[in-house]
Structure formats: C-alpha cells, structure tokens
Amino acid sequence: MKQSTSTLLMVKPHGFDYNKETAEDNHFQTGGTGLSSSQITRAALNEFEALIKKISAHGIEVIVYDELATKATPDAVFPNNWFSTHSDGSVYLYPMFAPNRRKERRQEVLNLLTQEYGFTIDRIKDWSKHEDVGLFLEGTGSLILDRPNRIVYAALSERTCEKLVRLYAKEIDYSLVLFTSHHKLNQKRVLIYHTNVMLCIAENYSVVCLKCITDATERKVVKESLKRTKKTIIELSLEQVDHFAGNMLEVQNKNNESFLIMSTRAYESLNVKQVAQIEQHSKIIHSPLTTIENYGGGSARCMLAEIFLPRQEK
C-alpha cells in the first residue's frame, strides 16, 4: 500500500470567505487584512490557480471541481475534511463541526471521479449521521493515516471525537495513536483544532511539532511510533506551526518522484537544516496562500483531497 498518491482533487473557491461558524475553535483564522468579501474571494482564486499550476508542472494530476463553492460554502476549498478515498474502492464521508460545512458533501464531486476520470467507488461509508448527536470527525484533517503501516494518528479536539476515532480505526483495521495537542492564543494554551496542522506523515519521514503534545507520555508514544516505523523525524517549533509548517502533504508524480507541498509562508518559516532534511526525500513545492490561510485557517494540505481509488484502464 502506498503512502502517497499522484492524483489530487481540489475544489475551486468561488465562494471563499471568512467563516464565522468555524472561527469558534479554529484559532488559525485571523482575518484582519481589511479586504472586502469580493476581494477575499478574488485573492483566494488567484492563490488557488497558482498552486495548481505549480503542482501540475511537476507531473502530478490535479482534478478540479468547479461548481460547488458559493457563499453558502465558504470553506469548500478544504475538501479533505469531508471525504477520504482508499485503495480498496471505499470512500468515507465525515461528520463536520460547522453546519455550513456540511453542505460541502456533494455526490457530484464523487461522480466527477467516476464518470469523467475512470475511478471506481465500490462502497461509500457515510458517517455524517454522527453530526446529529454532536460527534465530529473531520477527515484527514482529524486523521493522519500512515497507510503502509496501518496506523492512524489523531489529536483529540472538538472536531476529533475519541469515540469516533476508535470506531474508525477498528473499522479500517488500523492501530491507533491518540493524543492531545496545543498551541498558544493570547498567552493561553488552547487545543489545536486539526491534527494536520502539527503532523505530516510521508513515506520515509514525518514533520511534527512534538512540543504541541504537552503530555510527556503521549509525546513519547508518538515519537516511538514514528521511530518504530522508521520515519525520519523533522521537528517543528510552536512558532512554525503558527505559520502552517505542519500543514504539508507528500505526493508523487507519474515517475514516482516524491514532492512535499506546502505554502510559501510555511516554507519560509523552515530553517536550513529542516529544508535539507526534507530534500533528502522530497522536492519541495510551495506557493503563496496568505489569503486562504488568514481567512480560512487552513493551508496547502487542507486544500488537497488525495485520490487512492482504483482506476479503470483506458
């Protein structure tokens, strides 16, 4: 089983804007640059197109869904939260914290994969019913999957329910590494809303902020799991996490070359040693995502839905 895919799905952010419903616990949503709603959307569209151009230039397939995002779905640019795909032909649909984000779950997105790009979906596992009782699990924002080693890493938060994580790990037959992670907001310690802002798992390495895991026992368990699976550990500082340095995704191109996608803000926060460690394994792709980061509270990894589904031969 491969850790990285060569096909990504992205949703064009026609309706991108500051989402008040997610700002409640996403402390990475700062806004505050004084742009109008239309200016925010236009800037996000420009950042989106620039990122696609850079990814595609390296031979990585990017499928763009161009019809979902409206002002009713300001966070549709982050599709990895509402669905994930798997090599056995299954698709999981996830329960979302913010009511307006639940509108992002659209069958048309999955139809695009099957009808126009030849992917096969054998089963859809719809977990969205858990929203009705206030339990949430936001896709590969909440769940960091080490696919070859069958491990799921998850930082508990309001959007990552322990009960659902345990059920999920059991259903897909993965072992589970659970912990809590924090960062500082106005000198106060607050939970990090999504695991994928402080942990990235690649095939041969991990980029992680162990300092976010304040419980020493939990930190040790995470570190030992990464070592046991022979991942080179590239450690981030708390400040680098605030610059979205944990929000990265490894992908491959058609020639099986490895790339690590991140924002320019994340890249510029890295030191020379960290860049060298990454480049021992992957070429770095970075692009400016300032508007999407400031107003959406997510970065490059959040924008990328990995497609692992089997594909029909042409």
Protein backbone atom coordinates (compact mmCIF):
# COMPACT_ATOMS: atom_id res chain seq x y z
CA MET A 1 0.00 0.00 0.00
CA LYS A 2 1.37 3.41 -1.00
CA GLN A 3 1.59 6.35 1.38
CA SER A 4 1.41 8.96 -1.36
CA THR A 5 -0.85 9.44 -4.36
CA SER A 6 -0.22 11.03 -7.74
CA THR A 7 -3.82 12.28 -8.11
CA LEU A 8 -5.37 15.12 -6.12
CA LEU A 9 -8.83 16.65 -6.13
CA MET A 10 -9.26 20.35 -5.42
CA VAL A 11 -12.39 22.50 -5.19
CA LYS A 12 -12.27 25.94 -6.77
CA PRO A 13 -13.05 28.57 -4.08
CA HIS A 14 -15.65 30.72 -5.85
CA GLY A 15 -17.37 31.49 -2.55
CA PHE A 16 -14.33 31.64 -0.26
CA ASP A 17 -14.71 33.99 2.69
CA TYR A 18 -14.21 34.24 6.44
CA ASN A 19 -16.37 31.55 8.07
CA LYS A 20 -17.75 32.67 11.42
CA GLU A 21 -19.02 29.16 12.18
CA THR A 22 -15.52 27.66 12.13
CA ALA A 23 -13.77 30.58 13.84
CA GLU A 24 -15.15 29.38 17.18
CA ASP A 25 -12.32 26.87 17.61
CA ASN A 26 -10.02 27.45 14.62
CA HIS A 27 -7.57 29.91 16.11
CA PHE A 28 -5.55 29.98 12.89
CA GLN A 29 -8.33 32.07 11.31
CA THR A 30 -7.01 35.56 11.86
CA GLY A 31 -8.63 37.52 9.02
CA GLY A 32 -7.90 41.15 9.70
CA THR A 33 -6.31 42.28 6.43
CA GLY A 34 -9.13 44.69 5.67
CA LEU A 35 -10.28 43.12 2.42
CA SER A 36 -13.89 43.19 1.26
CA SER A 37 -15.73 39.92 0.74
CA SER A 38 -15.27 40.08 -3.04
CA GLN A 39 -11.58 40.92 -2.66
CA ILE A 40 -11.10 37.93 -0.34
CA THR A 41 -12.70 35.61 -2.90
CA ARG A 42 -10.70 37.02 -5.80
CA ALA A 43 -7.41 36.74 -3.91
CA ALA A 44 -8.20 33.14 -2.89
CA LEU A 45 -8.97 32.22 -6.51
CA ASN A 46 -5.62 33.63 -7.61
CA GLU A 47 -3.78 31.68 -4.91
CA PHE A 48 -5.68 28.52 -5.84
CA GLU A 49 -4.78 28.78 -9.52
CA ALA A 50 -1.12 29.50 -8.77
CA LEU A 51 -0.87 26.43 -6.53
CA ILE A 52 -2.46 24.17 -9.16
CA LYS A 53 -0.07 25.48 -11.80
CA LYS A 54 2.95 24.66 -9.64
CA ILE A 55 1.69 21.18 -8.70
CA SER A 56 0.73 20.27 -12.27
CA ALA A 57 4.09 21.43 -13.62
CA HIS A 58 5.72 18.51 -11.78
CA GLY A 59 3.56 15.83 -13.45
CA ILE A 60 1.06 15.44 -10.60
CA GLU A 61 -2.57 15.07 -11.69
CA VAL A 62 -4.94 17.67 -10.28
CA ILE A 63 -8.69 17.22 -10.77
CA VAL A 64 -10.61 20.46 -10.20
CA TYR A 65 -14.25 20.55 -9.17
CA ASP A 66 -15.52 23.90 -10.32
CA GLU A 67 -19.19 24.08 -9.30
CA LEU A 68 -19.52 23.57 -5.55
CA ALA A 69 -18.27 26.68 -3.82
CA THR A 70 -20.69 29.53 -3.14
CA LYS A 71 -21.05 32.00 -0.28
CA ALA A 72 -23.11 29.27 1.43
CA THR A 73 -19.96 27.08 1.49
CA PRO A 74 -17.07 29.47 2.26
CA ASP A 75 -14.69 26.62 3.21
CA ALA A 76 -15.31 24.35 0.21
CA VAL A 77 -11.68 24.87 -0.77
CA PHE A 78 -10.81 22.37 2.01
CA PRO A 79 -12.37 19.10 0.67
CA ASN A 80 -10.09 16.77 2.63
CA ASN A 81 -12.28 17.33 5.69
CA TRP A 82 -15.50 15.84 4.31
CA PHE A 83 -14.27 12.81 2.36
CA SER A 84 -11.36 10.43 2.01
CA THR A 85 -10.64 7.73 -0.57
CA HIS A 86 -8.98 4.35 -0.15
CA SER A 87 -7.30 1.81 -2.39
CA ASP A 88 -9.97 -0.83 -1.70
CA GLY A 89 -12.52 1.32 -3.53
CA SER A 90 -14.13 2.80 -0.43
CA VAL A 91 -14.98 6.43 0.24
CA TYR A 92 -15.66 7.78 3.73
CA LEU A 93 -17.91 10.77 4.33
CA TYR A 94 -17.27 12.54 7.63
CA PRO A 95 -19.34 14.41 10.25
CA MET A 96 -18.49 18.11 10.19
CA PHE A 97 -18.43 20.54 13.12
CA ALA A 98 -19.77 23.65 11.36
CA PRO A 99 -23.32 23.37 9.92
CA ASN A 100 -22.43 25.34 6.80
CA ARG A 101 -19.54 22.98 6.06
CA ARG A 102 -21.95 20.03 5.89
CA LYS A 103 -23.25 21.50 2.62
CA GLU A 104 -19.87 20.69 1.04
CA ARG A 105 -20.67 16.96 0.93
CA ARG A 106 -21.85 16.56 -2.64
CA GLN A 107 -22.36 13.40 -4.68
CA GLU A 108 -21.40 15.41 -7.77
CA VAL A 109 -17.81 15.57 -6.56
CA LEU A 110 -17.62 11.79 -6.38
CA ASN A 111 -19.43 11.49 -9.73
CA LEU A 112 -16.68 13.58 -11.30
CA LEU A 113 -14.12 11.00 -10.21
CA THR A 114 -16.06 8.01 -11.54
CA GLN A 115 -17.77 9.40 -14.63
CA GLU A 116 -15.05 11.63 -16.03
CA TYR A 117 -11.81 10.23 -14.65
CA GLY A 118 -12.42 6.48 -14.55
CA PHE A 119 -12.04 5.86 -10.82
CA THR A 120 -14.04 3.06 -9.19
CA ILE A 121 -16.03 3.57 -5.98
CA ASP A 122 -17.22 0.24 -4.60
CA ARG A 123 -18.73 1.49 -1.37
CA ILE A 124 -19.50 4.75 0.40
CA LYS A 125 -19.25 4.75 4.20
CA ASP A 126 -21.35 7.65 5.37
CA TRP A 127 -20.50 8.69 8.93
CA SER A 128 -22.26 12.05 8.70
CA LYS A 129 -25.17 10.84 10.89
CA HIS A 130 -22.95 11.41 13.94
CA GLU A 131 -23.42 15.15 13.45
CA ASP A 132 -26.96 14.71 14.74
CA VAL A 133 -25.64 13.83 18.20
CA GLY A 134 -22.77 16.32 18.21
CA LEU A 135 -19.91 13.96 17.37
CA PHE A 136 -17.40 15.07 14.76
CA LEU A 137 -14.50 13.61 12.80
CA GLU A 138 -13.19 15.83 10.05
CA GLY A 139 -11.50 13.54 7.57
CA THR A 140 -7.77 13.79 7.01
CA GLY A 141 -7.77 17.00 9.00
CA SER A 142 -8.54 14.93 12.09
CA LEU A 143 -6.93 11.67 10.95
CA ILE A 144 -3.34 11.34 9.78
CA LEU A 145 -3.06 7.97 8.07
CA ASP A 146 0.19 6.02 7.82
CA ARG A 147 -1.23 3.74 5.16
CA PRO A 148 1.62 1.21 4.64
CA ASN A 149 1.98 0.68 8.41
CA ARG A 150 -1.78 0.82 9.04
CA ILE A 151 -1.60 3.44 11.79
CA VAL A 152 -3.93 6.37 12.37
CA TYR A 153 -2.64 9.36 14.35
CA ALA A 154 -5.23 11.70 15.83
CA ALA A 155 -5.11 14.76 18.08
CA LEU A 156 -8.34 14.97 20.06
CA SER A 157 -10.36 18.17 19.84
CA GLU A 158 -13.93 19.34 19.42
CA ARG A 159 -13.66 18.24 15.79
CA THR A 160 -11.94 14.92 16.51
CA CYS A 161 -14.10 12.79 18.77
CA GLU A 162 -12.34 9.97 20.62
CA LYS A 163 -15.31 7.63 20.32
CA LEU A 164 -15.42 8.05 16.54
CA VAL A 165 -11.65 7.77 16.13
CA ARG A 166 -11.68 4.46 17.96
CA LEU A 167 -14.60 3.17 15.87
CA TYR A 168 -12.90 4.31 12.68
CA ALA A 169 -9.55 2.70 13.49
CA LYS A 170 -11.31 -0.56 14.32
CA GLU A 171 -13.36 -0.49 11.12
CA ILE A 172 -10.38 0.07 8.82
CA ASP A 173 -8.18 -2.23 10.93
CA TYR A 174 -5.52 0.35 11.80
CA SER A 175 -3.71 0.68 15.10
CA LEU A 176 -4.32 3.98 16.86
CA VAL A 177 -2.05 6.68 18.27
CA LEU A 178 -4.19 9.17 20.22
CA PHE A 179 -3.01 12.36 21.87
CA THR A 180 -3.93 15.99 22.50
CA SER A 181 -2.02 18.93 21.05
CA HIS A 182 -2.00 22.59 21.97
CA HIS A 183 -0.73 25.94 20.82
CA LYS A 184 -0.88 29.39 22.37
CA LEU A 185 -3.52 32.01 21.77
CA ASN A 186 -3.10 35.30 23.64
CA GLN A 187 -0.75 33.53 26.08
CA LYS A 188 -3.35 30.85 26.78
CA ARG A 189 -2.98 27.19 25.89
CA VAL A 190 -5.72 26.05 23.51
CA LEU A 191 -6.40 22.79 21.67
CA ILE A 192 -5.26 22.55 18.08
CA TYR A 193 -8.40 22.03 16.02
CA HIS A 194 -6.95 19.62 13.41
CA THR A 195 -4.13 17.09 13.63
CA ASN A 196 -2.85 18.03 10.19
CA VAL A 197 -1.61 21.45 11.28
CA MET A 198 1.03 19.87 13.53
CA LEU A 199 1.77 16.48 11.92
CA CYS A 200 2.60 15.32 8.40
CA ILE A 201 3.35 11.68 7.65
CA ALA A 202 5.32 10.95 4.48
CA GLU A 203 6.65 7.63 3.22
CA ASN A 204 10.08 7.89 4.83
CA TYR A 205 9.80 10.84 7.19
CA SER A 206 7.47 12.85 9.40
CA VAL A 207 7.21 16.57 10.01
CA VAL A 208 5.86 17.08 13.51
CA CYS A 209 5.70 19.54 16.39
CA LEU A 210 6.28 17.30 19.38
CA LYS A 211 6.21 20.38 21.64
CA CYS A 212 2.49 20.73 20.83
CA ILE A 213 1.95 17.44 22.69
CA THR A 214 2.20 18.68 26.26
CA ASP A 215 1.62 15.32 27.94
CA ALA A 216 5.03 13.64 28.23
CA THR A 217 3.63 10.11 27.99
CA GLU A 218 1.62 10.91 24.86
CA ARG A 219 4.62 12.65 23.31
CA LYS A 220 6.76 9.59 23.96
CA VAL A 221 4.17 7.27 22.38
CA VAL A 222 4.01 9.39 19.21
CA LYS A 223 7.79 9.62 18.94
CA GLU A 224 8.28 5.89 19.50
CA SER A 225 5.64 5.06 16.89
CA LEU A 226 7.39 7.25 14.32
CA LYS A 227 10.74 5.68 15.14
CA ARG A 228 9.35 2.15 15.04
CA THR A 229 8.04 2.77 11.53
CA LYS A 230 11.45 4.12 10.51
CA LYS A 231 10.31 7.67 9.86
CA THR A 232 12.98 10.34 9.98
CA ILE A 233 11.58 12.87 12.48
CA ILE A 234 11.78 16.51 11.38
CA GLU A 235 10.76 18.56 14.39
CA LEU A 236 8.88 21.86 14.18
CA SER A 237 8.71 24.67 16.70
CA LEU A 238 5.44 26.07 18.04
CA GLU A 239 6.06 29.25 16.06
CA GLN A 240 6.48 27.26 12.83
CA VAL A 241 3.14 25.56 13.43
CA ASP A 242 1.55 29.02 13.61
CA HIS A 243 2.99 29.56 10.11
CA PHE A 244 1.31 26.34 8.87
CA ALA A 245 4.58 24.42 8.63
CA GLY A 246 2.82 21.25 9.81
CA ASN A 247 0.18 21.52 7.09
CA MET A 248 2.06 19.70 4.35
CA LEU A 249 1.33 16.74 2.05
CA GLU A 250 3.65 14.34 0.29
CA VAL A 251 2.60 13.37 -3.24
CA GLN A 252 4.20 11.53 -6.15
CA ASN A 253 4.27 12.20 -9.87
CA LYS A 254 3.91 9.68 -12.67
CA ASN A 255 7.61 8.82 -12.37
CA ASN A 256 7.24 8.04 -8.64
CA GLU A 257 9.27 11.11 -7.66
CA SER A 258 8.35 12.44 -4.23
CA PHE A 259 7.22 16.02 -3.61
CA LEU A 260 6.16 17.83 -0.44
CA ILE A 261 3.51 20.51 -0.96
CA MET A 262 3.27 23.47 1.43
CA SER A 263 2.59 27.19 1.42
CA THR A 264 5.32 29.76 0.91
CA ARG A 265 4.64 31.03 4.43
CA ALA A 266 5.34 27.53 5.79
CA TYR A 267 8.44 27.14 3.61
CA GLU A 268 9.91 30.45 4.71
CA SER A 269 9.45 29.51 8.36
CA LEU A 270 11.68 26.45 7.97
CA ASN A 271 15.36 26.61 8.81
CA VAL A 272 18.17 25.44 6.55
CA LYS A 273 18.55 22.11 8.36
CA GLN A 274 14.83 21.29 8.10
CA VAL A 275 14.78 22.09 4.38
CA ALA A 276 17.83 19.87 3.85
CA GLN A 277 16.19 17.02 5.79
CA ILE A 278 13.06 17.24 3.66
CA GLU A 279 15.02 17.48 0.43
CA GLN A 280 16.83 14.23 1.21
CA HIS A 281 13.48 12.59 0.45
CA SER A 282 11.25 15.02 -1.48
CA LYS A 283 11.40 18.04 -3.73
CA ILE A 284 9.52 20.96 -2.20
CA ILE A 285 6.60 22.68 -3.94
CA HIS A 286 5.45 25.90 -2.29
CA SER A 287 3.11 28.69 -3.30
CA PRO A 288 1.72 31.79 -1.51
CA LEU A 289 -1.61 31.10 0.24
CA THR A 290 -1.81 34.12 2.52
CA THR A 291 -5.49 34.93 1.98
CA ILE A 292 -6.64 31.33 2.30
CA GLU A 293 -4.53 30.89 5.44
CA ASN A 294 -5.61 34.13 7.12
CA TYR A 295 -9.32 33.90 6.38
CA GLY A 296 -9.76 30.12 6.19
CA GLY A 297 -7.39 29.00 8.93
CA GLY A 298 -6.07 26.19 6.73
CA SER A 299 -3.22 25.83 4.28
CA ALA A 300 -1.91 23.68 1.43
CA ARG A 301 -2.61 20.25 2.89
CA CYS A 302 -6.22 21.16 3.71
CA MET A 303 -6.84 22.06 0.06
CA LEU A 304 -5.78 18.64 -1.25
CA ALA A 305 -8.04 15.59 -1.28
CA GLU A 306 -5.95 12.51 -2.07
CA ILE A 307 -7.39 10.05 -4.60
CA PHE A 308 -6.34 6.46 -3.86
CA LEU A 309 -9.26 4.75 -5.61
CA PRO A 310 -8.64 2.01 -8.18
CA ARG A 311 -8.79 3.26 -11.75
CA GLN A 312 -10.13 1.58 -14.84
CA GLU A 313 -7.61 1.03 -17.61
CA LYS A 314 -8.22 3.21 -20.64
